[in-house]
Amino acid sequence: MIATLQEAKAKLSQMVKLATSGEEIFITVHGKQMAKLVGLPEAAKKLDKKKWLAELAELRRKTWTGRYGITAQQIQDEDRAERF
């Protein structure tokens, strides 16, 4: 399907439904194709909450600085004080 930018603005929810069902929607500006609206693959649509939480916990473990409760400015001030 090809739609102008104005049509896309007016019918975005309909176009999203079409894209979700597999149709590609090309959006034109001044007669030139500028964007394409497509649905996500099935694998990307399904969120495995347990896996996501496990990945989040691992990221927190790797990036934990032990500095909760202080501001970014206080962290910067500490680092500056240690250098001098």
PDB file of N, CA and C in Angstrom:
ATOM      1  N   MET A   1       0.845  -1.164   0.000  1.00  0.00           N
ATOM      2  CA  MET A   1       0.000   0.000   0.000  1.00  0.00           C
ATOM      3  C   MET A   1       0.896   1.233   0.000  1.00  0.00           C
ATOM      4  N   ILE A   2       0.472   2.254  -0.716  1.00  0.00           N
ATOM      5  CA  ILE A   2       1.180   3.524  -0.752  1.00  0.00           C
ATOM      6  C   ILE A   2       0.238   4.597  -0.223  1.00  0.00           C
ATOM      7  N   ALA A   3       0.743   5.425   0.678  1.00  0.00           N
ATOM      8  CA  ALA A   3      -0.074   6.482   1.266  1.00  0.00           C
ATOM      9  C   ALA A   3       0.751   7.751   1.388  1.00  0.00           C
ATOM     10  N   THR A   4       0.096   8.880   1.280  1.00  0.00           N
ATOM     11  CA  THR A   4       0.786  10.143   1.503  1.00  0.00           C
ATOM     12  C   THR A   4       0.975  10.341   3.002  1.00  0.00           C
ATOM     13  N   LEU A   5       1.839  11.257   3.346  1.00  0.00           N
ATOM     14  CA  LEU A   5       2.076  11.545   4.756  1.00  0.00           C
ATOM     15  C   LEU A   5       0.788  12.014   5.429  1.00  0.00           C
ATOM     16  N   GLN A   6       0.019  12.811   4.736  1.00  0.00           N
ATOM     17  CA  GLN A   6      -1.251  13.304   5.284  1.00  0.00           C
ATOM     18  C   GLN A   6      -2.213  12.146   5.542  1.00  0.00           C
ATOM     19  N   GLU A   7      -2.307  11.191   4.609  1.00  0.00           N
ATOM     20  CA  GLU A   7      -3.161  10.015   4.808  1.00  0.00           C
ATOM     21  C   GLU A   7      -2.667   9.176   5.984  1.00  0.00           C
ATOM     22  N   ALA A   8      -1.347   9.047   6.077  1.00  0.00           N
ATOM     23  CA  ALA A   8      -0.769   8.254   7.166  1.00  0.00           C
ATOM     24  C   ALA A   8      -1.096   8.866   8.521  1.00  0.00           C
ATOM     25  N   LYS A   9      -1.054  10.183   8.611  1.00  0.00           N
ATOM     26  CA  LYS A   9      -1.404  10.854   9.865  1.00  0.00           C
ATOM     27  C   LYS A   9      -2.866  10.613  10.222  1.00  0.00           C
ATOM     28  N   ALA A  10      -3.734  10.679   9.212  1.00  0.00           N
ATOM     29  CA  ALA A  10      -5.165  10.538   9.451  1.00  0.00           C
ATOM     30  C   ALA A  10      -5.581   9.101   9.752  1.00  0.00           C
ATOM     31  N   LYS A  11      -4.852   8.132   9.211  1.00  0.00           N
ATOM     32  CA  LYS A  11      -5.268   6.727   9.321  1.00  0.00           C
ATOM     33  C   LYS A  11      -4.178   5.851   9.937  1.00  0.00           C
ATOM     34  N   LEU A  12      -3.391   6.406  10.836  1.00  0.00           N
ATOM     35  CA  LEU A  12      -2.257   5.659  11.387  1.00  0.00           C
ATOM     36  C   LEU A  12      -2.690   4.365  12.059  1.00  0.00           C
ATOM     37  N   SER A  13      -3.727   4.397  12.875  1.00  0.00           N
ATOM     38  CA  SER A  13      -4.125   3.174  13.578  1.00  0.00           C
ATOM     39  C   SER A  13      -4.537   2.078  12.595  1.00  0.00           C
ATOM     40  N   GLN A  14      -5.221   2.430  11.529  1.00  0.00           N
ATOM     41  CA  GLN A  14      -5.599   1.443  10.514  1.00  0.00           C
ATOM     42  C   GLN A  14      -4.358   0.879   9.832  1.00  0.00           C
ATOM     43  N   MET A  15      -3.410   1.746   9.546  1.00  0.00           N
ATOM     44  CA  MET A  15      -2.191   1.308   8.865  1.00  0.00           C
ATOM     45  C   MET A  15      -1.341   0.411   9.756  1.00  0.00           C
ATOM     46  N   VAL A  16      -1.324   0.697  11.039  1.00  0.00           N
ATOM     47  CA  VAL A  16      -0.591  -0.163  11.964  1.00  0.00           C
ATOM     48  C   VAL A  16      -1.216  -1.558  11.985  1.00  0.00           C
ATOM     49  N   LYS A  17      -2.519  -1.629  11.981  1.00  0.00           N
ATOM     50  CA  LYS A  17      -3.200  -2.933  11.932  1.00  0.00           C
ATOM     51  C   LYS A  17      -2.845  -3.682  10.660  1.00  0.00           C
ATOM     52  N   LEU A  18      -2.825  -2.975   9.527  1.00  0.00           N
ATOM     53  CA  LEU A  18      -2.453  -3.611   8.265  1.00  0.00           C
ATOM     54  C   LEU A  18      -1.010  -4.110   8.308  1.00  0.00           C
ATOM     55  N   ALA A  19      -0.111  -3.289   8.850  1.00  0.00           N
ATOM     56  CA  ALA A  19       1.293  -3.686   8.937  1.00  0.00           C
ATOM     57  C   ALA A  19       1.458  -4.885   9.855  1.00  0.00           C
ATOM     58  N   THR A  20       0.701  -4.923  10.929  1.00  0.00           N
ATOM     59  CA  THR A  20       0.760  -6.047  11.864  1.00  0.00           C
ATOM     60  C   THR A  20       0.337  -7.343  11.189  1.00  0.00           C
ATOM     61  N   SER A  21      -0.592  -7.224  10.238  1.00  0.00           N
ATOM     62  CA  SER A  21      -1.059  -8.430   9.536  1.00  0.00           C
ATOM     63  C   SER A  21      -0.152  -8.799   8.368  1.00  0.00           C
ATOM     64  N   GLY A  22       0.948  -8.051   8.173  1.00  0.00           N
ATOM     65  CA  GLY A  22       1.934  -8.446   7.175  1.00  0.00           C
ATOM     66  C   GLY A  22       2.064  -7.528   5.978  1.00  0.00           C
ATOM     67  N   GLU A  23       1.205  -6.544   5.846  1.00  0.00           N
ATOM     68  CA  GLU A  23       1.282  -5.650   4.698  1.00  0.00           C
ATOM     69  C   GLU A  23       2.336  -4.563   4.938  1.00  0.00           C
ATOM     70  N   GLU A  24       3.029  -4.190   3.862  1.00  0.00           N
ATOM     71  CA  GLU A  24       3.992  -3.094   3.941  1.00  0.00           C
ATOM     72  C   GLU A  24       3.307  -1.822   3.457  1.00  0.00           C
ATOM     73  N   ILE A  25       3.469  -0.753   4.186  1.00  0.00           N
ATOM     74  CA  ILE A  25       2.877   0.525   3.808  1.00  0.00           C
ATOM     75  C   ILE A  25       4.014   1.500   3.534  1.00  0.00           C
ATOM     76  N   PHE A  26       4.039   2.027   2.325  1.00  0.00           N
ATOM     77  CA  PHE A  26       5.036   3.010   1.943  1.00  0.00           C
ATOM     78  C   PHE A  26       4.415   4.396   2.090  1.00  0.00           C
ATOM     79  N   ILE A  27       5.132   5.296   2.733  1.00  0.00           N
ATOM     80  CA  ILE A  27       4.642   6.652   2.964  1.00  0.00           C
ATOM     81  C   ILE A  27       5.428   7.600   2.071  1.00  0.00           C
ATOM     82  N   THR A  28       4.683   8.414   1.341  1.00  0.00           N
ATOM     83  CA  THR A  28       5.310   9.323   0.399  1.00  0.00           C
ATOM     84  C   THR A  28       5.209  10.766   0.869  1.00  0.00           C
ATOM     85  N   VAL A  29       6.220  11.549   0.485  1.00  0.00           N
ATOM     86  CA  VAL A  29       6.224  12.988   0.716  1.00  0.00           C
ATOM     87  C   VAL A  29       6.560  13.631  -0.627  1.00  0.00           C
ATOM     88  N   HIS A  30       5.658  14.445  -1.115  1.00  0.00           N
ATOM     89  CA  HIS A  30       5.811  15.090  -2.425  1.00  0.00           C
ATOM     90  C   HIS A  30       6.048  14.062  -3.528  1.00  0.00           C
ATOM     91  N   GLY A  31       5.347  12.936  -3.425  1.00  0.00           N
ATOM     92  CA  GLY A  31       5.414  11.907  -4.463  1.00  0.00           C
ATOM     93  C   GLY A  31       6.595  10.956  -4.363  1.00  0.00           C
ATOM     94  N   LYS A  32       7.479  11.143  -3.406  1.00  0.00           N
ATOM     95  CA  LYS A  32       8.650  10.266  -3.259  1.00  0.00           C
ATOM     96  C   LYS A  32       8.482   9.410  -2.015  1.00  0.00           C
ATOM     97  N   GLN A  33       8.794   8.123  -2.140  1.00  0.00           N
ATOM     98  CA  GLN A  33       8.718   7.232  -0.985  1.00  0.00           C
ATOM     99  C   GLN A  33       9.798   7.625   0.016  1.00  0.00           C
ATOM    100  N   MET A  34       9.346   7.901   1.255  1.00  0.00           N
ATOM    101  CA  MET A  34      10.271   8.365   2.282  1.00  0.00           C
ATOM    102  C   MET A  34      10.357   7.425   3.476  1.00  0.00           C
ATOM    103  N   ALA A  35       9.330   6.602   3.666  1.00  0.00           N
ATOM    104  CA  ALA A  35       9.325   5.715   4.831  1.00  0.00           C
ATOM    105  C   ALA A  35       8.514   4.465   4.510  1.00  0.00           C
ATOM    106  N   LYS A  36       8.764   3.436   5.325  1.00  0.00           N
ATOM    107  CA  LYS A  36       8.030   2.185   5.160  1.00  0.00           C
ATOM    108  C   LYS A  36       7.570   1.727   6.532  1.00  0.00           C
ATOM    109  N   LEU A  37       6.303   1.379   6.638  1.00  0.00           N
ATOM    110  CA  LEU A  37       5.730   0.880   7.884  1.00  0.00           C
ATOM    111  C   LEU A  37       5.535  -0.622   7.733  1.00  0.00           C
ATOM    112  N   VAL A  38       6.169  -1.388   8.618  1.00  0.00           N
ATOM    113  CA  VAL A  38       6.057  -2.853   8.582  1.00  0.00           C
ATOM    114  C   VAL A  38       5.809  -3.363   9.992  1.00  0.00           C
ATOM    115  N   GLY A  39       5.198  -4.508  10.085  1.00  0.00           N
ATOM    116  CA  GLY A  39       4.966  -5.130  11.386  1.00  0.00           C
ATOM    117  C   GLY A  39       6.225  -5.803  11.900  1.00  0.00           C
ATOM    118  N   LEU A  40       6.252  -6.035  13.196  1.00  0.00           N
ATOM    119  CA  LEU A  40       7.379  -6.741  13.807  1.00  0.00           C
ATOM    120  C   LEU A  40       7.273  -8.235  13.546  1.00  0.00           C
ATOM    121  N   PRO A  41       8.406  -8.922  13.474  1.00  0.00           N
ATOM    122  CA  PRO A  41       8.359 -10.380  13.371  1.00  0.00           C
ATOM    123  C   PRO A  41       7.724 -10.969  14.636  1.00  0.00           C
ATOM    124  N   GLU A  42       7.150 -12.116  14.529  1.00  0.00           N
ATOM    125  CA  GLU A  42       6.470 -12.756  15.664  1.00  0.00           C
ATOM    126  C   GLU A  42       7.393 -12.900  16.874  1.00  0.00           C
ATOM    127  N   ALA A  43       8.646 -13.221  16.634  1.00  0.00           N
ATOM    128  CA  ALA A  43       9.579 -13.423  17.750  1.00  0.00           C
ATOM    129  C   ALA A  43       9.737 -12.143  18.564  1.00  0.00           C
ATOM    130  N   ALA A  44       9.702 -11.004  17.897  1.00  0.00           N
ATOM    131  CA  ALA A  44       9.875  -9.728  18.601  1.00  0.00           C
ATOM    132  C   ALA A  44       8.617  -9.317  19.355  1.00  0.00           C
ATOM    133  N   LYS A  45       7.469  -9.829  18.952  1.00  0.00           N
ATOM    134  CA  LYS A  45       6.210  -9.449  19.587  1.00  0.00           C
ATOM    135  C   LYS A  45       6.029 -10.110  20.946  1.00  0.00           C
ATOM    136  N   LYS A  46       6.582 -11.305  21.103  1.00  0.00           N
ATOM    137  CA  LYS A  46       6.390 -12.049  22.348  1.00  0.00           C
ATOM    138  C   LYS A  46       7.499 -11.711  23.334  1.00  0.00           C
ATOM    139  N   LEU A  47       7.116 -11.242  24.490  1.00  0.00           N
ATOM    140  CA  LEU A  47       8.076 -10.885  25.526  1.00  0.00           C
ATOM    141  C   LEU A  47       8.101 -11.995  26.570  1.00  0.00           C
ATOM    142  N   ASP A  48       9.270 -12.569  26.756  1.00  0.00           N
ATOM    143  CA  ASP A  48       9.447 -13.575  27.793  1.00  0.00           C
ATOM    144  C   ASP A  48       9.848 -12.836  29.066  1.00  0.00           C
ATOM    145  N   LYS A  49       8.880 -12.648  29.957  1.00  0.00           N
ATOM    146  CA  LYS A  49       9.103 -11.820  31.140  1.00  0.00           C
ATOM    147  C   LYS A  49      10.218 -12.380  32.025  1.00  0.00           C
ATOM    148  N   LYS A  50      10.261 -13.692  32.226  1.00  0.00           N
ATOM    149  CA  LYS A  50      11.299 -14.282  33.079  1.00  0.00           C
ATOM    150  C   LYS A  50      12.691 -14.050  32.485  1.00  0.00           C
ATOM    151  N   LYS A  51      12.807 -14.228  31.173  1.00  0.00           N
ATOM    152  CA  LYS A  51      14.094 -14.022  30.513  1.00  0.00           C
ATOM    153  C   LYS A  51      14.499 -12.544  30.608  1.00  0.00           C
ATOM    154  N   TRP A  52      13.534 -11.642  30.381  1.00  0.00           N
ATOM    155  CA  TRP A  52      13.817 -10.221  30.440  1.00  0.00           C
ATOM    156  C   TRP A  52      14.276  -9.820  31.844  1.00  0.00           C
ATOM    157  N   LEU A  53      13.599 -10.327  32.879  1.00  0.00           N
ATOM    158  CA  LEU A  53      13.985 -10.015  34.253  1.00  0.00           C
ATOM    159  C   LEU A  53      15.365 -10.569  34.591  1.00  0.00           C
ATOM    160  N   ALA A  54      15.683 -11.749  34.073  1.00  0.00           N
ATOM    161  CA  ALA A  54      17.005 -12.332  34.306  1.00  0.00           C
ATOM    162  C   ALA A  54      18.085 -11.474  33.648  1.00  0.00           C
ATOM    163  N   GLU A  55      17.824 -11.005  32.421  1.00  0.00           N
ATOM    164  CA  GLU A  55      18.782 -10.144  31.741  1.00  0.00           C
ATOM    165  C   GLU A  55      18.957  -8.822  32.480  1.00  0.00           C
ATOM    166  N   LEU A  56      17.875  -8.278  32.998  1.00  0.00           N
ATOM    167  CA  LEU A  56      17.940  -7.043  33.767  1.00  0.00           C
ATOM    168  C   LEU A  56      18.760  -7.235  35.041  1.00  0.00           C
ATOM    169  N   ALA A  57      18.539  -8.342  35.732  1.00  0.00           N
ATOM    170  CA  ALA A  57      19.299  -8.625  36.955  1.00  0.00           C
ATOM    171  C   ALA A  57      20.788  -8.760  36.645  1.00  0.00           C
ATOM    172  N   GLU A  58      21.129  -9.405  35.539  1.00  0.00           N
ATOM    173  CA  GLU A  58      22.526  -9.570  35.146  1.00  0.00           C
ATOM    174  C   GLU A  58      23.158  -8.218  34.812  1.00  0.00           C
ATOM    175  N   LEU A  59      22.416  -7.380  34.107  1.00  0.00           N
ATOM    176  CA  LEU A  59      22.911  -6.049  33.784  1.00  0.00           C
ATOM    177  C   LEU A  59      23.138  -5.230  35.050  1.00  0.00           C
ATOM    178  N   ARG A  60      22.207  -5.310  35.980  1.00  0.00           N
ATOM    179  CA  ARG A  60      22.382  -4.596  37.250  1.00  0.00           C
ATOM    180  C   ARG A  60      23.607  -5.104  38.004  1.00  0.00           C
ATOM    181  N   ARG A  61      23.802  -6.418  38.002  1.00  0.00           N
ATOM    182  CA  ARG A  61      24.948  -6.993  38.692  1.00  0.00           C
ATOM    183  C   ARG A  61      26.256  -6.498  38.079  1.00  0.00           C
ATOM    184  N   LYS A  62      26.306  -6.439  36.752  1.00  0.00           N
ATOM    185  CA  LYS A  62      27.529  -6.021  36.067  1.00  0.00           C
ATOM    186  C   LYS A  62      27.828  -4.539  36.243  1.00  0.00           C
ATOM    187  N   THR A  63      26.794  -3.729  36.351  1.00  0.00           N
ATOM    188  CA  THR A  63      26.998  -2.279  36.373  1.00  0.00           C
ATOM    189  C   THR A  63      26.844  -1.653  37.744  1.00  0.00           C
ATOM    190  N   TRP A  64      26.630  -2.426  38.774  1.00  0.00           N
ATOM    191  CA  TRP A  64      26.425  -1.900  40.122  1.00  0.00           C
ATOM    192  C   TRP A  64      27.679  -1.173  40.587  1.00  0.00           C
ATOM    193  N   THR A  65      27.500   0.054  41.008  1.00  0.00           N
ATOM    194  CA  THR A  65      28.631   0.853  41.473  1.00  0.00           C
ATOM    195  C   THR A  65      28.669   0.953  42.989  1.00  0.00           C
ATOM    196  N   GLY A  66      27.588   0.536  43.642  1.00  0.00           N
ATOM    197  CA  GLY A  66      27.537   0.637  45.090  1.00  0.00           C
ATOM    198  C   GLY A  66      27.279   2.047  45.569  1.00  0.00           C
ATOM    199  N   ARG A  67      26.836   2.903  44.679  1.00  0.00           N
ATOM    200  CA  ARG A  67      26.698   4.314  45.017  1.00  0.00           C
ATOM    201  C   ARG A  67      25.255   4.797  44.974  1.00  0.00           C
ATOM    202  N   TYR A  68      24.291   3.954  45.252  1.00  0.00           N
ATOM    203  CA  TYR A  68      22.907   4.437  45.300  1.00  0.00           C
ATOM    204  C   TYR A  68      22.749   5.413  46.453  1.00  0.00           C
ATOM    205  N   GLY A  69      21.874   6.367  46.284  1.00  0.00           N
ATOM    206  CA  GLY A  69      21.577   7.288  47.364  1.00  0.00           C
ATOM    207  C   GLY A  69      22.323   8.597  47.294  1.00  0.00           C
ATOM    208  N   ILE A  70      23.235   8.743  46.314  1.00  0.00           N
ATOM    209  CA  ILE A  70      23.899  10.025  46.156  1.00  0.00           C
ATOM    210  C   ILE A  70      23.663  10.527  44.735  1.00  0.00           C
ATOM    211  N   THR A  71      23.817  11.811  44.552  1.00  0.00           N
ATOM    212  CA  THR A  71      23.544  12.405  43.245  1.00  0.00           C
ATOM    213  C   THR A  71      24.749  12.258  42.323  1.00  0.00           C
ATOM    214  N   ALA A  72      24.508  12.504  41.042  1.00  0.00           N
ATOM    215  CA  ALA A  72      25.583  12.463  40.057  1.00  0.00           C
ATOM    216  C   ALA A  72      26.638  13.518  40.385  1.00  0.00           C
ATOM    217  N   GLN A  73      26.187  14.660  40.864  1.00  0.00           N
ATOM    218  CA  GLN A  73      27.129  15.720  41.216  1.00  0.00           C
ATOM    219  C   GLN A  73      28.034  15.279  42.359  1.00  0.00           C
ATOM    220  N   GLN A  74      27.475  14.584  43.342  1.00  0.00           N
ATOM    221  CA  GLN A  74      28.284  14.102  44.461  1.00  0.00           C
ATOM    222  C   GLN A  74      29.314  13.075  43.991  1.00  0.00           C
ATOM    223  N   ILE A  75      28.938  12.226  43.063  1.00  0.00           N
ATOM    224  CA  ILE A  75      29.885  11.246  42.523  1.00  0.00           C
ATOM    225  C   ILE A  75      31.022  11.969  41.815  1.00  0.00           C
ATOM    226  N   GLN A  76      30.679  12.980  40.997  1.00  0.00           N
ATOM    227  CA  GLN A  76      31.713  13.751  40.304  1.00  0.00           C
ATOM    228  C   GLN A  76      32.629  14.448  41.297  1.00  0.00           C
ATOM    229  N   ASP A  77      32.062  15.028  42.338  1.00  0.00           N
ATOM    230  CA  ASP A  77      32.864  15.718  43.339  1.00  0.00           C
ATOM    231  C   ASP A  77      33.816  14.749  44.034  1.00  0.00           C
ATOM    232  N   GLU A  78      33.337  13.536  44.346  1.00  0.00           N
ATOM    233  CA  GLU A  78      34.195  12.527  44.978  1.00  0.00           C
ATOM    234  C   GLU A  78      35.363  12.183  44.071  1.00  0.00           C
ATOM    235  N   ASP A  79      35.053  11.956  42.763  1.00  0.00           N
ATOM    236  CA  ASP A  79      36.105  11.580  41.829  1.00  0.00           C
ATOM    237  C   ASP A  79      37.140  12.693  41.664  1.00  0.00           C
ATOM    238  N   ARG A  80      36.684  13.937  41.674  1.00  0.00           N
ATOM    239  CA  ARG A  80      37.611  15.078  41.563  1.00  0.00           C
ATOM    240  C   ARG A  80      38.485  15.190  42.798  1.00  0.00           C
ATOM    241  N   ALA A  81      37.890  14.948  43.965  1.00  0.00           N
ATOM    242  CA  ALA A  81      38.650  15.052  45.218  1.00  0.00           C
ATOM    243  C   ALA A  81      39.727  13.977  45.291  1.00  0.00           C
ATOM    244  N   GLU A  82      39.445  12.791  44.729  1.00  0.00           N
ATOM    245  CA  GLU A  82      40.420  11.693  44.775  1.00  0.00           C
ATOM    246  C   GLU A  82      41.611  11.958  43.874  1.00  0.00           C
ATOM    247  N   ARG A  83      41.432  12.755  42.836  1.00  0.00           N
ATOM    248  CA  ARG A  83      42.527  13.033  41.883  1.00  0.00           C
ATOM    249  C   ARG A  83      43.538  14.036  42.453  1.00  0.00           C
ATOM    250  N   PHE A  84      43.133  14.841  43.382  1.00  0.00           N
ATOM    251  CA  PHE A  84      44.021  15.906  43.866  1.00  0.00           C
ATOM    252  C   PHE A  84      44.563  15.614  45.211  1.00  0.00           C
TER     253      PHE A  84
END
